[in-house]
Structure formats: C-alpha cells, structure tokens
Amino acid sequence: MNKVSKEQIIEALKPIQDPEIHIGIVDLGLIYNVEVNDDGKVEIKMTLTTPHCPVGPELVSAVEITAKSVEGVKDVDVELVWDPPYDPHEMASDYAKDELGIW
C-alpha cells in the first residue's frame, strides 16, 4: 500500500475553486488542516468564507471526493469548522490576495 502524504492531499485539493470567487480553496486558505494516518485515513478541517455560503455543501463534498481519489486513501473525514473564523488576510497564496485586493 502506498503511504499517502499531507502534501499529496493538499496538491489534489488545489484545483477545487470557490465557484463564486473563482479562486482555489487552498489558495483562499479554506483548508485549515490535513492529517493522514498510516492506514490511509485522511482527516481534513476546512472552513468557508462565510457560514451562509450557498455552495458550502458542494465544496465539502468536492473536498471529500477529491481526497478519496488520491491513491492510497482508504477513508476521508471532512470537518467543517468555524474556529478560527475565516480571515481573508490569512490566504495561503499571494495570487489569491492579488486577485481579491487583500493586503
């Protein structure tokens, strides 16, 4: 069995875009934590830009499906968290900050 890394999961999640902002959820900083155990179980903590995000359920589902598609992943648990609250100044990429004018 191939050992899955946190980096592999994050890389797989990069193409998932927030459909309203058209920027990847990893770049936006919506993925708070990824843990992978030796048995291929992946636990992901993520948030949304707002608790009332109309596409929230679709984003959570896309994260789960995408993580499960990584070779070696046996199970995925995606937890939607609100603490700490999303802060656009904590975006994971300069590209996202440039696109949204956040500095």
PDB file of N, CA and C in Angstrom:
ATOM      1  N   MET A   1       0.854  -1.192   0.000  1.00  0.00           N
ATOM      2  CA  MET A   1       0.000   0.000   0.000  1.00  0.00           C
ATOM      3  C   MET A   1       0.889   1.241   0.000  1.00  0.00           C
ATOM      4  N   ASN A   2       0.552   2.202  -0.846  1.00  0.00           N
ATOM      5  CA  ASN A   2       1.286   3.463  -0.893  1.00  0.00           C
ATOM      6  C   ASN A   2       0.920   4.323   0.293  1.00  0.00           C
ATOM      7  N   LYS A   3       1.940   4.907   0.918  1.00  0.00           N
ATOM      8  CA  LYS A   3       1.692   5.828   2.021  1.00  0.00           C
ATOM      9  C   LYS A   3       1.324   7.184   1.428  1.00  0.00           C
ATOM     10  N   VAL A   4       0.225   7.709   1.878  1.00  0.00           N
ATOM     11  CA  VAL A   4      -0.272   8.998   1.394  1.00  0.00           C
ATOM     12  C   VAL A   4       0.308  10.100   2.270  1.00  0.00           C
ATOM     13  N   SER A   5       0.675  11.212   1.654  1.00  0.00           N
ATOM     14  CA  SER A   5       1.208  12.336   2.415  1.00  0.00           C
ATOM     15  C   SER A   5       0.204  13.483   2.454  1.00  0.00           C
ATOM     16  N   LYS A   6       0.373  14.310   3.443  1.00  0.00           N
ATOM     17  CA  LYS A   6      -0.432  15.527   3.582  1.00  0.00           C
ATOM     18  C   LYS A   6      -0.276  16.387   2.323  1.00  0.00           C
ATOM     19  N   GLU A   7       0.944  16.474   1.831  1.00  0.00           N
ATOM     20  CA  GLU A   7       1.224  17.291   0.648  1.00  0.00           C
ATOM     21  C   GLU A   7       0.465  16.786  -0.585  1.00  0.00           C
ATOM     22  N   GLN A   8       0.351  15.450  -0.722  1.00  0.00           N
ATOM     23  CA  GLN A   8      -0.401  14.883  -1.844  1.00  0.00           C
ATOM     24  C   GLN A   8      -1.871  15.293  -1.771  1.00  0.00           C
ATOM     25  N   ILE A   9      -2.426  15.265  -0.583  1.00  0.00           N
ATOM     26  CA  ILE A   9      -3.834  15.642  -0.416  1.00  0.00           C
ATOM     27  C   ILE A   9      -4.019  17.114  -0.744  1.00  0.00           C
ATOM     28  N   ILE A  10      -3.166  17.958  -0.204  1.00  0.00           N
ATOM     29  CA  ILE A  10      -3.280  19.401  -0.465  1.00  0.00           C
ATOM     30  C   ILE A  10      -3.133  19.687  -1.951  1.00  0.00           C
ATOM     31  N   GLU A  11      -2.187  19.029  -2.594  1.00  0.00           N
ATOM     32  CA  GLU A  11      -1.993  19.231  -4.037  1.00  0.00           C
ATOM     33  C   GLU A  11      -3.244  18.821  -4.813  1.00  0.00           C
ATOM     34  N   ALA A  12      -3.866  17.716  -4.412  1.00  0.00           N
ATOM     35  CA  ALA A  12      -5.084  17.252  -5.077  1.00  0.00           C
ATOM     36  C   ALA A  12      -6.232  18.234  -4.896  1.00  0.00           C
ATOM     37  N   LEU A  13      -6.270  18.927  -3.758  1.00  0.00           N
ATOM     38  CA  LEU A  13      -7.363  19.861  -3.474  1.00  0.00           C
ATOM     39  C   LEU A  13      -7.196  21.216  -4.167  1.00  0.00           C
ATOM     40  N   LYS A  14      -6.003  21.538  -4.612  1.00  0.00           N
ATOM     41  CA  LYS A  14      -5.741  22.865  -5.201  1.00  0.00           C
ATOM     42  C   LYS A  14      -6.670  23.247  -6.355  1.00  0.00           C
ATOM     43  N   PRO A  15      -7.043  22.328  -7.250  1.00  0.00           N
ATOM     44  CA  PRO A  15      -7.919  22.732  -8.357  1.00  0.00           C
ATOM     45  C   PRO A  15      -9.363  23.053  -7.961  1.00  0.00           C
ATOM     46  N   ILE A  16      -9.772  22.679  -6.758  1.00  0.00           N
ATOM     47  CA  ILE A  16     -11.163  22.949  -6.351  1.00  0.00           C
ATOM     48  C   ILE A  16     -11.307  24.447  -6.114  1.00  0.00           C
ATOM     49  N   GLN A  17     -12.207  25.054  -6.858  1.00  0.00           N
ATOM     50  CA  GLN A  17     -12.401  26.508  -6.765  1.00  0.00           C
ATOM     51  C   GLN A  17     -13.698  26.856  -6.057  1.00  0.00           C
ATOM     52  N   ASP A  18     -13.663  27.957  -5.352  1.00  0.00           N
ATOM     53  CA  ASP A  18     -14.890  28.546  -4.842  1.00  0.00           C
ATOM     54  C   ASP A  18     -15.607  29.091  -6.078  1.00  0.00           C
ATOM     55  N   PRO A  19     -16.794  28.584  -6.410  1.00  0.00           N
ATOM     56  CA  PRO A  19     -17.440  28.975  -7.664  1.00  0.00           C
ATOM     57  C   PRO A  19     -17.889  30.432  -7.712  1.00  0.00           C
ATOM     58  N   GLU A  20     -17.998  31.070  -6.577  1.00  0.00           N
ATOM     59  CA  GLU A  20     -18.391  32.487  -6.574  1.00  0.00           C
ATOM     60  C   GLU A  20     -17.186  33.409  -6.741  1.00  0.00           C
ATOM     61  N   ILE A  21     -16.032  32.991  -6.227  1.00  0.00           N
ATOM     62  CA  ILE A  21     -14.833  33.833  -6.263  1.00  0.00           C
ATOM     63  C   ILE A  21     -13.884  33.401  -7.379  1.00  0.00           C
ATOM     64  N   HIS A  22     -13.992  32.144  -7.822  1.00  0.00           N
ATOM     65  CA  HIS A  22     -13.150  31.584  -8.887  1.00  0.00           C
ATOM     66  C   HIS A  22     -11.672  31.542  -8.519  1.00  0.00           C
ATOM     67  N   ILE A  23     -11.420  31.240  -7.256  1.00  0.00           N
ATOM     68  CA  ILE A  23     -10.064  31.033  -6.759  1.00  0.00           C
ATOM     69  C   ILE A  23     -10.089  29.719  -5.984  1.00  0.00           C
ATOM     70  N   GLY A  24      -8.988  28.984  -6.046  1.00  0.00           N
ATOM     71  CA  GLY A  24      -8.911  27.694  -5.376  1.00  0.00           C
ATOM     72  C   GLY A  24      -9.073  27.804  -3.867  1.00  0.00           C
ATOM     73  N   ILE A  25      -9.709  26.792  -3.291  1.00  0.00           N
ATOM     74  CA  ILE A  25      -9.966  26.817  -1.845  1.00  0.00           C
ATOM     75  C   ILE A  25      -8.675  26.708  -1.035  1.00  0.00           C
ATOM     76  N   VAL A  26      -7.648  26.070  -1.588  1.00  0.00           N
ATOM     77  CA  VAL A  26      -6.365  26.020  -0.889  1.00  0.00           C
ATOM     78  C   VAL A  26      -5.746  27.410  -0.889  1.00  0.00           C
ATOM     79  N   ASP A  27      -5.741  28.078  -2.049  1.00  0.00           N
ATOM     80  CA  ASP A  27      -5.205  29.443  -2.130  1.00  0.00           C
ATOM     81  C   ASP A  27      -5.966  30.411  -1.230  1.00  0.00           C
ATOM     82  N   LEU A  28      -7.261  30.199  -1.108  1.00  0.00           N
ATOM     83  CA  LEU A  28      -8.075  31.067  -0.253  1.00  0.00           C
ATOM     84  C   LEU A  28      -7.811  30.834   1.241  1.00  0.00           C
ATOM     85  N   GLY A  29      -7.152  29.744   1.557  1.00  0.00           N
ATOM     86  CA  GLY A  29      -6.887  29.438   2.964  1.00  0.00           C
ATOM     87  C   GLY A  29      -8.050  28.752   3.657  1.00  0.00           C
ATOM     88  N   LEU A  30      -8.924  28.109   2.884  1.00  0.00           N
ATOM     89  CA  LEU A  30     -10.090  27.451   3.471  1.00  0.00           C
ATOM     90  C   LEU A  30      -9.758  26.075   4.049  1.00  0.00           C
ATOM     91  N   ILE A  31      -8.630  25.515   3.670  1.00  0.00           N
ATOM     92  CA  ILE A  31      -8.202  24.230   4.234  1.00  0.00           C
ATOM     93  C   ILE A  31      -7.321  24.553   5.438  1.00  0.00           C
ATOM     94  N   TYR A  32      -7.833  24.250   6.622  1.00  0.00           N
ATOM     95  CA  TYR A  32      -7.113  24.576   7.853  1.00  0.00           C
ATOM     96  C   TYR A  32      -6.109  23.497   8.245  1.00  0.00           C
ATOM     97  N   ASN A  33      -6.468  22.234   8.048  1.00  0.00           N
ATOM     98  CA  ASN A  33      -5.575  21.168   8.493  1.00  0.00           C
ATOM     99  C   ASN A  33      -5.870  19.882   7.722  1.00  0.00           C
ATOM    100  N   VAL A  34      -4.811  19.141   7.448  1.00  0.00           N
ATOM    101  CA  VAL A  34      -4.933  17.828   6.823  1.00  0.00           C
ATOM    102  C   VAL A  34      -4.061  16.872   7.629  1.00  0.00           C
ATOM    103  N   GLU A  35      -4.647  15.777   8.060  1.00  0.00           N
ATOM    104  CA  GLU A  35      -3.896  14.732   8.753  1.00  0.00           C
ATOM    105  C   GLU A  35      -4.137  13.413   8.039  1.00  0.00           C
ATOM    106  N   VAL A  36      -3.060  12.654   7.891  1.00  0.00           N
ATOM    107  CA  VAL A  36      -3.135  11.350   7.239  1.00  0.00           C
ATOM    108  C   VAL A  36      -2.541  10.331   8.196  1.00  0.00           C
ATOM    109  N   ASN A  37      -3.302   9.282   8.498  1.00  0.00           N
ATOM    110  CA  ASN A  37      -2.730   8.249   9.370  1.00  0.00           C
ATOM    111  C   ASN A  37      -2.145   7.127   8.525  1.00  0.00           C
ATOM    112  N   ASP A  38      -1.458   6.211   9.165  1.00  0.00           N
ATOM    113  CA  ASP A  38      -0.765   5.133   8.457  1.00  0.00           C
ATOM    114  C   ASP A  38      -1.701   4.167   7.747  1.00  0.00           C
ATOM    115  N   ASP A  39      -2.976   4.161   8.120  1.00  0.00           N
ATOM    116  CA  ASP A  39      -3.945   3.264   7.497  1.00  0.00           C
ATOM    117  C   ASP A  39      -4.629   3.874   6.279  1.00  0.00           C
ATOM    118  N   GLY A  40      -4.207   5.082   5.878  1.00  0.00           N
ATOM    119  CA  GLY A  40      -4.813   5.723   4.719  1.00  0.00           C
ATOM    120  C   GLY A  40      -6.069   6.511   5.025  1.00  0.00           C
ATOM    121  N   LYS A  41      -6.327   6.766   6.298  1.00  0.00           N
ATOM    122  CA  LYS A  41      -7.476   7.617   6.665  1.00  0.00           C
ATOM    123  C   LYS A  41      -7.010   9.065   6.669  1.00  0.00           C
ATOM    124  N   VAL A  42      -7.801   9.915   6.047  1.00  0.00           N
ATOM    125  CA  VAL A  42      -7.482  11.334   5.936  1.00  0.00           C
ATOM    126  C   VAL A  42      -8.537  12.129   6.689  1.00  0.00           C
ATOM    127  N   GLU A  43      -8.069  13.044   7.525  1.00  0.00           N
ATOM    128  CA  GLU A  43      -8.960  13.956   8.239  1.00  0.00           C
ATOM    129  C   GLU A  43      -8.632  15.370   7.797  1.00  0.00           C
ATOM    130  N   ILE A  44      -9.664  16.068   7.341  1.00  0.00           N
ATOM    131  CA  ILE A  44      -9.487  17.420   6.820  1.00  0.00           C
ATOM    132  C   ILE A  44     -10.387  18.360   7.606  1.00  0.00           C
ATOM    133  N   LYS A  45      -9.787  19.451   8.090  1.00  0.00           N
ATOM    134  CA  LYS A  45     -10.573  20.522   8.697  1.00  0.00           C
ATOM    135  C   LYS A  45     -10.548  21.686   7.728  1.00  0.00           C
ATOM    136  N   MET A  46     -11.741  22.161   7.419  1.00  0.00           N
ATOM    137  CA  MET A  46     -11.851  23.269   6.477  1.00  0.00           C
ATOM    138  C   MET A  46     -12.922  24.234   6.950  1.00  0.00           C
ATOM    139  N   THR A  47     -12.934  25.398   6.350  1.00  0.00           N
ATOM    140  CA  THR A  47     -13.965  26.382   6.632  1.00  0.00           C
ATOM    141  C   THR A  47     -14.486  26.923   5.310  1.00  0.00           C
ATOM    142  N   LEU A  48     -15.397  27.848   5.399  1.00  0.00           N
ATOM    143  CA  LEU A  48     -15.939  28.543   4.234  1.00  0.00           C
ATOM    144  C   LEU A  48     -15.735  30.033   4.440  1.00  0.00           C
ATOM    145  N   THR A  49     -15.860  30.797   3.378  1.00  0.00           N
ATOM    146  CA  THR A  49     -15.666  32.244   3.511  1.00  0.00           C
ATOM    147  C   THR A  49     -16.728  32.875   4.392  1.00  0.00           C
ATOM    148  N   THR A  50     -17.894  32.231   4.479  1.00  0.00           N
ATOM    149  CA  THR A  50     -18.980  32.709   5.334  1.00  0.00           C
ATOM    150  C   THR A  50     -19.832  31.513   5.753  1.00  0.00           C
ATOM    151  N   PRO A  51     -20.381  31.535   6.963  1.00  0.00           N
ATOM    152  CA  PRO A  51     -21.230  30.415   7.386  1.00  0.00           C
ATOM    153  C   PRO A  51     -22.460  30.214   6.498  1.00  0.00           C
ATOM    154  N   HIS A  52     -22.856  31.244   5.783  1.00  0.00           N
ATOM    155  CA  HIS A  52     -24.054  31.170   4.946  1.00  0.00           C
ATOM    156  C   HIS A  52     -23.714  30.965   3.473  1.00  0.00           C
ATOM    157  N   CYS A  53     -22.515  30.442   3.208  1.00  0.00           N
ATOM    158  CA  CYS A  53     -22.076  30.203   1.834  1.00  0.00           C
ATOM    159  C   CYS A  53     -23.054  29.252   1.146  1.00  0.00           C
ATOM    160  N   PRO A  54     -23.688  29.690   0.056  1.00  0.00           N
ATOM    161  CA  PRO A  54     -24.685  28.844  -0.593  1.00  0.00           C
ATOM    162  C   PRO A  54     -24.111  27.588  -1.248  1.00  0.00           C
ATOM    163  N   VAL A  55     -22.811  27.584  -1.529  1.00  0.00           N
ATOM    164  CA  VAL A  55     -22.199  26.409  -2.154  1.00  0.00           C
ATOM    165  C   VAL A  55     -21.389  25.584  -1.153  1.00  0.00           C
ATOM    166  N   GLY A  56     -21.549  25.876   0.117  1.00  0.00           N
ATOM    167  CA  GLY A  56     -20.804  25.166   1.156  1.00  0.00           C
ATOM    168  C   GLY A  56     -20.904  23.652   1.058  1.00  0.00           C
ATOM    169  N   PRO A  57     -22.126  23.103   0.981  1.00  0.00           N
ATOM    170  CA  PRO A  57     -22.236  21.641   0.896  1.00  0.00           C
ATOM    171  C   PRO A  57     -21.526  21.057  -0.329  1.00  0.00           C
ATOM    172  N   GLU A  58     -21.562  21.761  -1.450  1.00  0.00           N
ATOM    173  CA  GLU A  58     -20.880  21.271  -2.645  1.00  0.00           C
ATOM    174  C   GLU A  58     -19.365  21.297  -2.480  1.00  0.00           C
ATOM    175  N   LEU A  59     -18.839  22.343  -1.811  1.00  0.00           N
ATOM    176  CA  LEU A  59     -17.398  22.416  -1.588  1.00  0.00           C
ATOM    177  C   LEU A  59     -16.926  21.300  -0.657  1.00  0.00           C
ATOM    178  N   VAL A  60     -17.673  21.051   0.404  1.00  0.00           N
ATOM    179  CA  VAL A  60     -17.318  19.979   1.334  1.00  0.00           C
ATOM    180  C   VAL A  60     -17.336  18.637   0.610  1.00  0.00           C
ATOM    181  N   SER A  61     -18.347  18.413  -0.197  1.00  0.00           N
ATOM    182  CA  SER A  61     -18.454  17.177  -0.966  1.00  0.00           C
ATOM    183  C   SER A  61     -17.296  17.047  -1.956  1.00  0.00           C
ATOM    184  N   ALA A  62     -16.942  18.132  -2.630  1.00  0.00           N
ATOM    185  CA  ALA A  62     -15.839  18.102  -3.591  1.00  0.00           C
ATOM    186  C   ALA A  62     -14.517  17.777  -2.899  1.00  0.00           C
ATOM    187  N   VAL A  63     -14.321  18.315  -1.700  1.00  0.00           N
ATOM    188  CA  VAL A  63     -13.104  18.028  -0.937  1.00  0.00           C
ATOM    189  C   VAL A  63     -13.055  16.542  -0.591  1.00  0.00           C
ATOM    190  N   GLU A  64     -14.160  15.995  -0.125  1.00  0.00           N
ATOM    191  CA  GLU A  64     -14.200  14.585   0.248  1.00  0.00           C
ATOM    192  C   GLU A  64     -13.940  13.682  -0.967  1.00  0.00           C
ATOM    193  N   ILE A  65     -14.640  13.938  -2.057  1.00  0.00           N
ATOM    194  CA  ILE A  65     -14.496  13.118  -3.269  1.00  0.00           C
ATOM    195  C   ILE A  65     -13.079  13.207  -3.821  1.00  0.00           C
ATOM    196  N   THR A  66     -12.521  14.402  -3.847  1.00  0.00           N
ATOM    197  CA  THR A  66     -11.174  14.600  -4.390  1.00  0.00           C
ATOM    198  C   THR A  66     -10.133  13.906  -3.515  1.00  0.00           C
ATOM    199  N   ALA A  67     -10.243  14.066  -2.212  1.00  0.00           N
ATOM    200  CA  ALA A  67      -9.281  13.410  -1.317  1.00  0.00           C
ATOM    201  C   ALA A  67      -9.370  11.889  -1.449  1.00  0.00           C
ATOM    202  N   LYS A  68     -10.581  11.366  -1.594  1.00  0.00           N
ATOM    203  CA  LYS A  68     -10.753   9.917  -1.743  1.00  0.00           C
ATOM    204  C   LYS A  68     -10.148   9.404  -3.045  1.00  0.00           C
ATOM    205  N   SER A  69      -9.989  10.268  -4.028  1.00  0.00           N
ATOM    206  CA  SER A  69      -9.450   9.846  -5.319  1.00  0.00           C
ATOM    207  C   SER A  69      -7.928   9.698  -5.311  1.00  0.00           C
ATOM    208  N   VAL A  70      -7.269  10.162  -4.261  1.00  0.00           N
ATOM    209  CA  VAL A  70      -5.814  10.056  -4.177  1.00  0.00           C
ATOM    210  C   VAL A  70      -5.447   8.596  -3.880  1.00  0.00           C
ATOM    211  N   GLU A  71      -4.529   8.070  -4.658  1.00  0.00           N
ATOM    212  CA  GLU A  71      -4.127   6.676  -4.485  1.00  0.00           C
ATOM    213  C   GLU A  71      -3.613   6.433  -3.071  1.00  0.00           C
ATOM    214  N   GLY A  72      -4.125   5.387  -2.455  1.00  0.00           N
ATOM    215  CA  GLY A  72      -3.709   5.024  -1.104  1.00  0.00           C
ATOM    216  C   GLY A  72      -4.651   5.500  -0.023  1.00  0.00           C
ATOM    217  N   VAL A  73      -5.582   6.404  -0.363  1.00  0.00           N
ATOM    218  CA  VAL A  73      -6.554   6.899   0.620  1.00  0.00           C
ATOM    219  C   VAL A  73      -7.653   5.856   0.782  1.00  0.00           C
ATOM    220  N   LYS A  74      -7.918   5.499   2.013  1.00  0.00           N
ATOM    221  CA  LYS A  74      -8.947   4.489   2.303  1.00  0.00           C
ATOM    222  C   LYS A  74     -10.243   5.122   2.802  1.00  0.00           C
ATOM    223  N   ASP A  75     -10.134   6.233   3.520  1.00  0.00           N
ATOM    224  CA  ASP A  75     -11.316   6.880   4.091  1.00  0.00           C
ATOM    225  C   ASP A  75     -11.009   8.353   4.281  1.00  0.00           C
ATOM    226  N   VAL A  76     -12.045   9.181   4.198  1.00  0.00           N
ATOM    227  CA  VAL A  76     -11.879  10.624   4.359  1.00  0.00           C
ATOM    228  C   VAL A  76     -12.962  11.152   5.278  1.00  0.00           C
ATOM    229  N   ASP A  77     -12.553  11.985   6.219  1.00  0.00           N
ATOM    230  CA  ASP A  77     -13.486  12.675   7.098  1.00  0.00           C
ATOM    231  C   ASP A  77     -13.227  14.169   6.947  1.00  0.00           C
ATOM    232  N   VAL A  78     -14.222  14.896   6.450  1.00  0.00           N
ATOM    233  CA  VAL A  78     -14.105  16.343   6.292  1.00  0.00           C
ATOM    234  C   VAL A  78     -14.940  16.998   7.375  1.00  0.00           C
ATOM    235  N   GLU A  79     -14.278  17.815   8.187  1.00  0.00           N
ATOM    236  CA  GLU A  79     -14.971  18.529   9.261  1.00  0.00           C
ATOM    237  C   GLU A  79     -15.011  20.010   8.915  1.00  0.00           C
ATOM    238  N   LEU A  80     -16.195  20.562   8.880  1.00  0.00           N
ATOM    239  CA  LEU A  80     -16.379  21.991   8.636  1.00  0.00           C
ATOM    240  C   LEU A  80     -16.285  22.710   9.974  1.00  0.00           C
ATOM    241  N   VAL A  81     -15.339  23.620  10.097  1.00  0.00           N
ATOM    242  CA  VAL A  81     -15.102  24.318  11.360  1.00  0.00           C
ATOM    243  C   VAL A  81     -15.239  25.830  11.175  1.00  0.00           C
ATOM    244  N   TRP A  82     -15.546  26.502  12.264  1.00  0.00           N
ATOM    245  CA  TRP A  82     -15.724  27.959  12.234  1.00  0.00           C
ATOM    246  C   TRP A  82     -14.771  28.672  13.189  1.00  0.00           C
ATOM    247  N   ASP A  83     -13.905  27.910  13.831  1.00  0.00           N
ATOM    248  CA  ASP A  83     -12.964  28.493  14.777  1.00  0.00           C
ATOM    249  C   ASP A  83     -11.568  28.010  14.422  1.00  0.00           C
ATOM    250  N   PRO A  84     -10.693  28.877  14.000  1.00  0.00           N
ATOM    251  CA  PRO A  84     -10.872  30.320  13.961  1.00  0.00           C
ATOM    252  C   PRO A  84     -11.742  30.740  12.775  1.00  0.00           C
ATOM    253  N   PRO A  85     -12.415  31.865  12.917  1.00  0.00           N
ATOM    254  CA  PRO A  85     -13.224  32.355  11.799  1.00  0.00           C
ATOM    255  C   PRO A  85     -12.331  32.671  10.592  1.00  0.00           C
ATOM    256  N   TYR A  86     -12.900  32.522   9.419  1.00  0.00           N
ATOM    257  CA  TYR A  86     -12.146  32.808   8.201  1.00  0.00           C
ATOM    258  C   TYR A  86     -11.730  34.269   8.174  1.00  0.00           C
ATOM    259  N   ASP A  87     -10.459  34.471   7.812  1.00  0.00           N
ATOM    260  CA  ASP A  87      -9.906  35.823   7.681  1.00  0.00           C
ATOM    261  C   ASP A  87      -9.187  35.897   6.338  1.00  0.00           C
ATOM    262  N   PRO A  88      -9.669  36.705   5.410  1.00  0.00           N
ATOM    263  CA  PRO A  88      -9.049  36.753   4.089  1.00  0.00           C
ATOM    264  C   PRO A  88      -7.577  37.188   4.120  1.00  0.00           C
ATOM    265  N   HIS A  89      -7.150  37.819   5.193  1.00  0.00           N
ATOM    266  CA  HIS A  89      -5.741  38.200   5.294  1.00  0.00           C
ATOM    267  C   HIS A  89      -4.839  36.989   5.525  1.00  0.00           C
ATOM    268  N   GLU A  90      -5.436  35.841   5.826  1.00  0.00           N
ATOM    269  CA  GLU A  90      -4.683  34.608   6.061  1.00  0.00           C
ATOM    270  C   GLU A  90      -4.663  33.708   4.826  1.00  0.00           C
ATOM    271  N   MET A  91      -4.953  34.259   3.662  1.00  0.00           N
ATOM    272  CA  MET A  91      -4.946  33.454   2.439  1.00  0.00           C
ATOM    273  C   MET A  91      -3.587  32.799   2.252  1.00  0.00           C
ATOM    274  N   ALA A  92      -3.600  31.628   1.666  1.00  0.00           N
ATOM    275  CA  ALA A  92      -2.391  30.827   1.526  1.00  0.00           C
ATOM    276  C   ALA A  92      -1.523  31.224   0.332  1.00  0.00           C
ATOM    277  N   SER A  93      -1.989  32.113  -0.518  1.00  0.00           N
ATOM    278  CA  SER A  93      -1.159  32.491  -1.667  1.00  0.00           C
ATOM    279  C   SER A  93      -1.263  33.981  -1.961  1.00  0.00           C
ATOM    280  N   ASP A  94      -0.165  34.506  -2.480  1.00  0.00           N
ATOM    281  CA  ASP A  94      -0.153  35.896  -2.904  1.00  0.00           C
ATOM    282  C   ASP A  94      -1.070  36.103  -4.102  1.00  0.00           C
ATOM    283  N   TYR A  95      -1.203  35.062  -4.944  1.00  0.00           N
ATOM    284  CA  TYR A  95      -2.107  35.143  -6.093  1.00  0.00           C
ATOM    285  C   TYR A  95      -3.527  35.471  -5.638  1.00  0.00           C
ATOM    286  N   ALA A  96      -4.025  34.739  -4.643  1.00  0.00           N
ATOM    287  CA  ALA A  96      -5.381  34.967  -4.151  1.00  0.00           C
ATOM    288  C   ALA A  96      -5.499  36.374  -3.569  1.00  0.00           C
ATOM    289  N   LYS A  97      -4.503  36.804  -2.826  1.00  0.00           N
ATOM    290  CA  LYS A  97      -4.544  38.158  -2.242  1.00  0.00           C
ATOM    291  C   LYS A  97      -4.563  39.212  -3.344  1.00  0.00           C
ATOM    292  N   ASP A  98      -3.748  39.010  -4.386  1.00  0.00           N
ATOM    293  CA  ASP A  98      -3.726  39.951  -5.511  1.00  0.00           C
ATOM    294  C   ASP A  98      -5.088  40.004  -6.205  1.00  0.00           C
ATOM    295  N   GLU A  99      -5.653  38.828  -6.483  1.00  0.00           N
ATOM    296  CA  GLU A  99      -6.926  38.749  -7.196  1.00  0.00           C
ATOM    297  C   GLU A  99      -8.051  39.459  -6.434  1.00  0.00           C
ATOM    298  N   LEU A 100      -8.024  39.369  -5.114  1.00  0.00           N
ATOM    299  CA  LEU A 100      -9.098  39.960  -4.301  1.00  0.00           C
ATOM    300  C   LEU A 100      -8.713  41.299  -3.689  1.00  0.00           C
ATOM    301  N   GLY A 101      -7.502  41.770  -3.972  1.00  0.00           N
ATOM    302  CA  GLY A 101      -7.072  43.062  -3.447  1.00  0.00           C
ATOM    303  C   GLY A 101      -6.924  43.075  -1.933  1.00  0.00           C
ATOM    304  N   ILE A 102      -6.477  41.975  -1.354  1.00  0.00           N
ATOM    305  CA  ILE A 102      -6.315  41.859   0.094  1.00  0.00           C
ATOM    306  C   ILE A 102      -4.836  41.962   0.420  1.00  0.00           C
ATOM    307  N   TRP A 103      -4.447  42.995   1.097  1.00  0.00           N
ATOM    308  CA  TRP A 103      -3.058  43.148   1.552  1.00  0.00           C
ATOM    309  C   TRP A 103      -3.015  43.870   2.821  1.00  0.00           C
TER     310      TRP A 103
END
